[in-house]
Amino acid sequence: MQVTETLNSGLKREIKITVPAGDMEAKLMARLSDARNKVRINGFRPGKVPVQHLRKVYGKSFMAEVVNEILNDSTRSIITGRGEKAAMQPEVIMTEDEKEAEK
C-alpha cells in the first residue's frame, strides 16, 4: 500500500492511498474460499461450488465488501500511525480505478 500526502493545511489533510491489485485479489479470493464452504447452490454439493462460479454470482458484492474493509482499515491505520486524531469522519473519494475494482 502506497500512501502520499497531497494537502496539509490547518486541520485539513488529503492523503492518496494506492492499494495494489494483488492485495485486493488475495482478499477477494480468501472471502470467496470462505464462502465456498458455507454457500448452498442448487446443482452443487455443499462445499463443492467452484470458486469461479461463486465469483460470477457473488463477485461484485464480495468485492464491495473487500473495498470497504480495505478503506476502513487503511484510513484507521494511517491516522493512528501518523499520531493524529480525526476531527471528523474521513471523506473517501475513489478515483477512476474504482471501475477496475468492479471487474
N, C-alpha and C. Protein backbone atom coordinates (compact mmCIF):
# COMPACT_ATOMS: atom_id res chain seq x y z
N MET A 1 0.85 -1.17 0.00
CA MET A 1 0.00 0.00 0.00
C MET A 1 0.90 1.23 0.00
N GLN A 2 0.61 2.14 -0.89
CA GLN A 2 1.39 3.36 -1.02
C GLN A 2 0.56 4.53 -0.51
N VAL A 3 1.14 5.33 0.38
CA VAL A 3 0.45 6.47 0.98
C VAL A 3 1.21 7.74 0.63
N THR A 4 0.47 8.74 0.09
CA THR A 4 1.07 10.02 -0.29
C THR A 4 0.19 11.14 0.24
N GLU A 5 0.79 12.07 0.99
CA GLU A 5 0.04 13.23 1.48
C GLU A 5 0.06 14.30 0.40
N THR A 6 -1.14 14.76 0.00
CA THR A 6 -1.22 15.76 -1.07
C THR A 6 -1.63 17.13 -0.55
N LEU A 7 -2.21 17.21 0.64
CA LEU A 7 -2.63 18.50 1.19
C LEU A 7 -2.47 18.47 2.70
N ASN A 8 -1.91 19.56 3.25
CA ASN A 8 -1.73 19.67 4.69
C ASN A 8 -1.89 21.14 5.06
N SER A 9 -3.12 21.53 5.42
CA SER A 9 -3.35 22.92 5.82
C SER A 9 -4.34 22.94 6.97
N GLY A 10 -3.90 23.46 8.11
CA GLY A 10 -4.76 23.51 9.28
C GLY A 10 -5.17 22.12 9.72
N LEU A 11 -6.48 21.93 9.84
CA LEU A 11 -6.98 20.61 10.20
C LEU A 11 -7.27 19.74 8.99
N LYS A 12 -7.12 20.28 7.82
CA LYS A 12 -7.45 19.55 6.60
C LYS A 12 -6.25 18.77 6.09
N ARG A 13 -6.47 17.49 5.84
CA ARG A 13 -5.44 16.62 5.28
C ARG A 13 -6.04 15.90 4.09
N GLU A 14 -5.24 15.75 3.06
CA GLU A 14 -5.65 14.96 1.92
C GLU A 14 -4.56 13.94 1.67
N ILE A 15 -4.94 12.69 1.69
CA ILE A 15 -3.98 11.61 1.57
C ILE A 15 -4.43 10.69 0.44
N LYS A 16 -3.51 10.36 -0.44
CA LYS A 16 -3.80 9.45 -1.54
C LYS A 16 -3.26 8.07 -1.16
N ILE A 17 -4.13 7.08 -1.22
CA ILE A 17 -3.76 5.71 -0.88
C ILE A 17 -3.89 4.86 -2.13
N THR A 18 -2.83 4.14 -2.46
CA THR A 18 -2.86 3.24 -3.60
C THR A 18 -2.71 1.82 -3.09
N VAL A 19 -3.72 1.01 -3.35
CA VAL A 19 -3.72 -0.38 -2.91
C VAL A 19 -3.42 -1.25 -4.13
N PRO A 20 -2.40 -2.09 -4.07
CA PRO A 20 -2.09 -2.96 -5.21
C PRO A 20 -3.24 -3.92 -5.52
N ALA A 21 -3.43 -4.19 -6.79
CA ALA A 21 -4.50 -5.10 -7.21
C ALA A 21 -4.29 -6.50 -6.64
N GLY A 22 -3.06 -6.89 -6.44
CA GLY A 22 -2.77 -8.21 -5.88
C GLY A 22 -3.30 -8.37 -4.47
N ASP A 23 -3.20 -7.30 -3.67
CA ASP A 23 -3.73 -7.36 -2.31
C ASP A 23 -5.25 -7.51 -2.32
N MET A 24 -5.90 -6.74 -3.19
CA MET A 24 -7.35 -6.82 -3.28
C MET A 24 -7.79 -8.20 -3.78
N GLU A 25 -7.07 -8.71 -4.75
CA GLU A 25 -7.40 -10.03 -5.31
C GLU A 25 -7.22 -11.12 -4.26
N ALA A 26 -6.16 -11.01 -3.45
CA ALA A 26 -5.92 -12.01 -2.41
C ALA A 26 -7.04 -11.99 -1.38
N LYS A 27 -7.48 -10.80 -0.98
CA LYS A 27 -8.57 -10.71 0.00
C LYS A 27 -9.88 -11.21 -0.60
N LEU A 28 -10.11 -10.93 -1.88
CA LEU A 28 -11.32 -11.41 -2.54
C LEU A 28 -11.32 -12.93 -2.62
N MET A 29 -10.19 -13.52 -2.98
CA MET A 29 -10.11 -14.98 -3.07
C MET A 29 -10.28 -15.62 -1.70
N ALA A 30 -9.76 -14.98 -0.66
CA ALA A 30 -9.96 -15.51 0.69
C ALA A 30 -11.43 -15.47 1.07
N ARG A 31 -12.10 -14.38 0.72
CA ARG A 31 -13.53 -14.25 1.01
C ARG A 31 -14.33 -15.29 0.22
N LEU A 32 -13.98 -15.51 -1.05
CA LEU A 32 -14.68 -16.49 -1.88
C LEU A 32 -14.45 -17.92 -1.37
N SER A 33 -13.23 -18.24 -0.99
CA SER A 33 -12.96 -19.59 -0.49
C SER A 33 -13.64 -19.84 0.84
N ASP A 34 -13.78 -18.79 1.65
CA ASP A 34 -14.51 -18.93 2.91
C ASP A 34 -16.00 -19.16 2.62
N ALA A 35 -16.54 -18.43 1.65
CA ALA A 35 -17.95 -18.58 1.30
C ALA A 35 -18.21 -19.92 0.62
N ARG A 36 -17.21 -20.46 -0.02
CA ARG A 36 -17.36 -21.73 -0.73
C ARG A 36 -17.83 -22.83 0.20
N ASN A 37 -17.36 -22.82 1.43
CA ASN A 37 -17.73 -23.85 2.40
C ASN A 37 -19.10 -23.61 3.01
N LYS A 38 -19.64 -22.41 2.88
CA LYS A 38 -20.90 -22.06 3.54
C LYS A 38 -22.09 -21.95 2.59
N VAL A 39 -21.82 -21.67 1.32
CA VAL A 39 -22.88 -21.39 0.35
C VAL A 39 -23.50 -22.70 -0.15
N ARG A 40 -24.83 -22.67 -0.28
CA ARG A 40 -25.54 -23.80 -0.86
C ARG A 40 -26.18 -23.32 -2.16
N ILE A 41 -25.76 -23.88 -3.27
CA ILE A 41 -26.29 -23.54 -4.58
C ILE A 41 -26.82 -24.82 -5.21
N ASN A 42 -28.02 -24.73 -5.78
CA ASN A 42 -28.62 -25.90 -6.43
C ASN A 42 -27.69 -26.42 -7.53
N GLY A 43 -27.54 -27.74 -7.56
CA GLY A 43 -26.70 -28.37 -8.57
C GLY A 43 -25.30 -28.67 -8.08
N PHE A 44 -24.95 -28.19 -6.88
CA PHE A 44 -23.62 -28.43 -6.33
C PHE A 44 -23.74 -29.01 -4.92
N ARG A 45 -22.85 -29.92 -4.60
CA ARG A 45 -22.81 -30.43 -3.23
C ARG A 45 -22.26 -29.35 -2.32
N PRO A 46 -22.65 -29.38 -1.04
CA PRO A 46 -22.13 -28.37 -0.11
C PRO A 46 -20.61 -28.39 -0.05
N GLY A 47 -20.01 -27.23 -0.20
CA GLY A 47 -18.56 -27.10 -0.15
C GLY A 47 -17.86 -27.41 -1.46
N LYS A 48 -18.61 -27.75 -2.50
CA LYS A 48 -18.00 -28.14 -3.78
C LYS A 48 -18.30 -27.15 -4.91
N VAL A 49 -18.79 -25.97 -4.58
CA VAL A 49 -19.08 -24.97 -5.60
C VAL A 49 -17.75 -24.41 -6.11
N PRO A 50 -17.54 -24.39 -7.43
CA PRO A 50 -16.29 -23.84 -7.96
C PRO A 50 -16.15 -22.35 -7.63
N VAL A 51 -14.94 -21.93 -7.34
CA VAL A 51 -14.68 -20.54 -6.96
C VAL A 51 -15.06 -19.60 -8.11
N GLN A 52 -14.82 -20.01 -9.34
CA GLN A 52 -15.17 -19.15 -10.48
C GLN A 52 -16.68 -18.93 -10.57
N HIS A 53 -17.46 -19.95 -10.23
CA HIS A 53 -18.92 -19.79 -10.23
C HIS A 53 -19.34 -18.83 -9.12
N LEU A 54 -18.74 -18.97 -7.95
CA LEU A 54 -19.02 -18.04 -6.85
C LEU A 54 -18.64 -16.62 -7.24
N ARG A 55 -17.53 -16.49 -7.94
CA ARG A 55 -17.08 -15.16 -8.36
C ARG A 55 -18.08 -14.53 -9.32
N LYS A 56 -18.64 -15.34 -10.21
CA LYS A 56 -19.61 -14.83 -11.16
C LYS A 56 -20.91 -14.43 -10.46
N VAL A 57 -21.33 -15.21 -9.48
CA VAL A 57 -22.60 -14.96 -8.79
C VAL A 57 -22.46 -13.87 -7.74
N TYR A 58 -21.43 -13.95 -6.89
CA TYR A 58 -21.30 -13.05 -5.75
C TYR A 58 -20.12 -12.09 -5.85
N GLY A 59 -19.41 -12.08 -6.96
CA GLY A 59 -18.17 -11.32 -7.09
C GLY A 59 -18.28 -9.85 -6.78
N LYS A 60 -19.30 -9.17 -7.33
CA LYS A 60 -19.42 -7.72 -7.11
C LYS A 60 -19.72 -7.39 -5.66
N SER A 61 -20.59 -8.16 -5.02
CA SER A 61 -20.91 -7.86 -3.63
C SER A 61 -19.72 -8.15 -2.72
N PHE A 62 -18.99 -9.24 -3.00
CA PHE A 62 -17.81 -9.53 -2.19
C PHE A 62 -16.72 -8.49 -2.42
N MET A 63 -16.57 -8.03 -3.66
CA MET A 63 -15.56 -7.00 -3.94
C MET A 63 -15.92 -5.71 -3.23
N ALA A 64 -17.20 -5.36 -3.18
CA ALA A 64 -17.61 -4.16 -2.46
C ALA A 64 -17.27 -4.29 -0.98
N GLU A 65 -17.48 -5.47 -0.40
CA GLU A 65 -17.12 -5.70 1.00
C GLU A 65 -15.62 -5.58 1.20
N VAL A 66 -14.84 -6.14 0.29
CA VAL A 66 -13.38 -6.09 0.40
C VAL A 66 -12.89 -4.65 0.30
N VAL A 67 -13.42 -3.88 -0.66
CA VAL A 67 -13.01 -2.48 -0.82
C VAL A 67 -13.37 -1.69 0.43
N ASN A 68 -14.57 -1.91 0.97
CA ASN A 68 -14.98 -1.21 2.18
C ASN A 68 -14.08 -1.57 3.36
N GLU A 69 -13.75 -2.84 3.48
CA GLU A 69 -12.86 -3.29 4.56
C GLU A 69 -11.47 -2.67 4.43
N ILE A 70 -10.93 -2.64 3.22
CA ILE A 70 -9.61 -2.05 3.00
C ILE A 70 -9.63 -0.56 3.30
N LEU A 71 -10.68 0.14 2.86
CA LEU A 71 -10.78 1.58 3.13
C LEU A 71 -10.83 1.86 4.63
N ASN A 72 -11.67 1.14 5.35
CA ASN A 72 -11.79 1.37 6.78
C ASN A 72 -10.49 1.06 7.51
N ASP A 73 -9.89 -0.08 7.20
CA ASP A 73 -8.65 -0.46 7.88
C ASP A 73 -7.50 0.48 7.55
N SER A 74 -7.38 0.86 6.28
CA SER A 74 -6.25 1.70 5.89
C SER A 74 -6.37 3.11 6.45
N THR A 75 -7.57 3.70 6.42
CA THR A 75 -7.71 5.06 6.97
C THR A 75 -7.44 5.05 8.47
N ARG A 76 -7.96 4.05 9.16
CA ARG A 76 -7.74 3.97 10.61
C ARG A 76 -6.26 3.79 10.93
N SER A 77 -5.58 2.90 10.20
CA SER A 77 -4.17 2.64 10.49
C SER A 77 -3.29 3.83 10.12
N ILE A 78 -3.62 4.54 9.04
CA ILE A 78 -2.83 5.71 8.64
C ILE A 78 -2.97 6.82 9.66
N ILE A 79 -4.18 7.08 10.11
CA ILE A 79 -4.40 8.15 11.08
C ILE A 79 -3.69 7.85 12.39
N THR A 80 -3.81 6.63 12.89
CA THR A 80 -3.13 6.30 14.15
C THR A 80 -1.62 6.21 13.97
N GLY A 81 -1.17 5.75 12.81
CA GLY A 81 0.26 5.65 12.54
C GLY A 81 0.94 7.00 12.47
N ARG A 82 0.21 8.01 12.05
CA ARG A 82 0.76 9.37 11.97
C ARG A 82 0.63 10.10 13.30
N GLY A 83 -0.02 9.49 14.27
CA GLY A 83 -0.18 10.13 15.58
C GLY A 83 -1.21 11.24 15.57
N GLU A 84 -2.17 11.17 14.66
CA GLU A 84 -3.20 12.20 14.56
C GLU A 84 -4.54 11.63 15.00
N LYS A 85 -5.46 12.53 15.29
CA LYS A 85 -6.82 12.13 15.61
C LYS A 85 -7.74 12.81 14.60
N ALA A 86 -8.73 12.09 14.15
CA ALA A 86 -9.65 12.64 13.16
C ALA A 86 -10.60 13.63 13.83
N ALA A 87 -10.67 14.85 13.29
CA ALA A 87 -11.59 15.86 13.81
C ALA A 87 -13.02 15.56 13.37
N MET A 88 -13.15 14.87 12.26
CA MET A 88 -14.46 14.45 11.76
C MET A 88 -14.28 13.17 10.96
N GLN A 89 -15.38 12.60 10.51
CA GLN A 89 -15.32 11.36 9.74
C GLN A 89 -14.56 11.60 8.43
N PRO A 90 -13.56 10.77 8.12
CA PRO A 90 -12.82 10.95 6.87
C PRO A 90 -13.73 10.78 5.65
N GLU A 91 -13.54 11.64 4.67
CA GLU A 91 -14.29 11.54 3.42
C GLU A 91 -13.44 10.75 2.44
N VAL A 92 -14.02 9.72 1.87
CA VAL A 92 -13.30 8.84 0.96
C VAL A 92 -13.82 9.08 -0.45
N ILE A 93 -12.91 9.41 -1.36
CA ILE A 93 -13.27 9.61 -2.76
C ILE A 93 -12.44 8.62 -3.57
N MET A 94 -13.13 7.76 -4.30
CA MET A 94 -12.42 6.78 -5.13
C MET A 94 -12.21 7.37 -6.51
N THR A 95 -11.08 7.05 -7.11
CA THR A 95 -10.73 7.60 -8.42
C THR A 95 -11.27 6.71 -9.54
N GLU A 96 -10.80 6.96 -10.73
CA GLU A 96 -11.25 6.19 -11.89
C GLU A 96 -10.86 4.72 -11.79
N ASP A 97 -9.94 4.39 -10.91
CA ASP A 97 -9.55 3.00 -10.72
C ASP A 97 -10.64 2.20 -10.02
N GLU A 98 -11.67 2.88 -9.54
CA GLU A 98 -12.79 2.20 -8.90
C GLU A 98 -13.44 1.23 -9.88
N LYS A 99 -13.50 1.60 -11.13
CA LYS A 99 -14.09 0.74 -12.15
C LYS A 99 -13.28 -0.55 -12.31
N GLU A 100 -11.98 -0.44 -12.09
CA GLU A 100 -11.11 -1.62 -12.18
C GLU A 100 -11.45 -2.61 -11.07
N ALA A 101 -11.81 -2.10 -9.89
CA ALA A 101 -12.15 -2.97 -8.77
C ALA A 101 -13.46 -3.70 -9.00
N GLU A 102 -14.35 -3.12 -9.79
CA GLU A 102 -15.66 -3.73 -10.00
C GLU A 102 -15.62 -4.89 -10.99
N LYS A 103 -14.54 -5.06 -11.71
CA LYS A 103 -14.47 -6.13 -12.72
C LYS A 103 -14.43 -7.49 -12.09
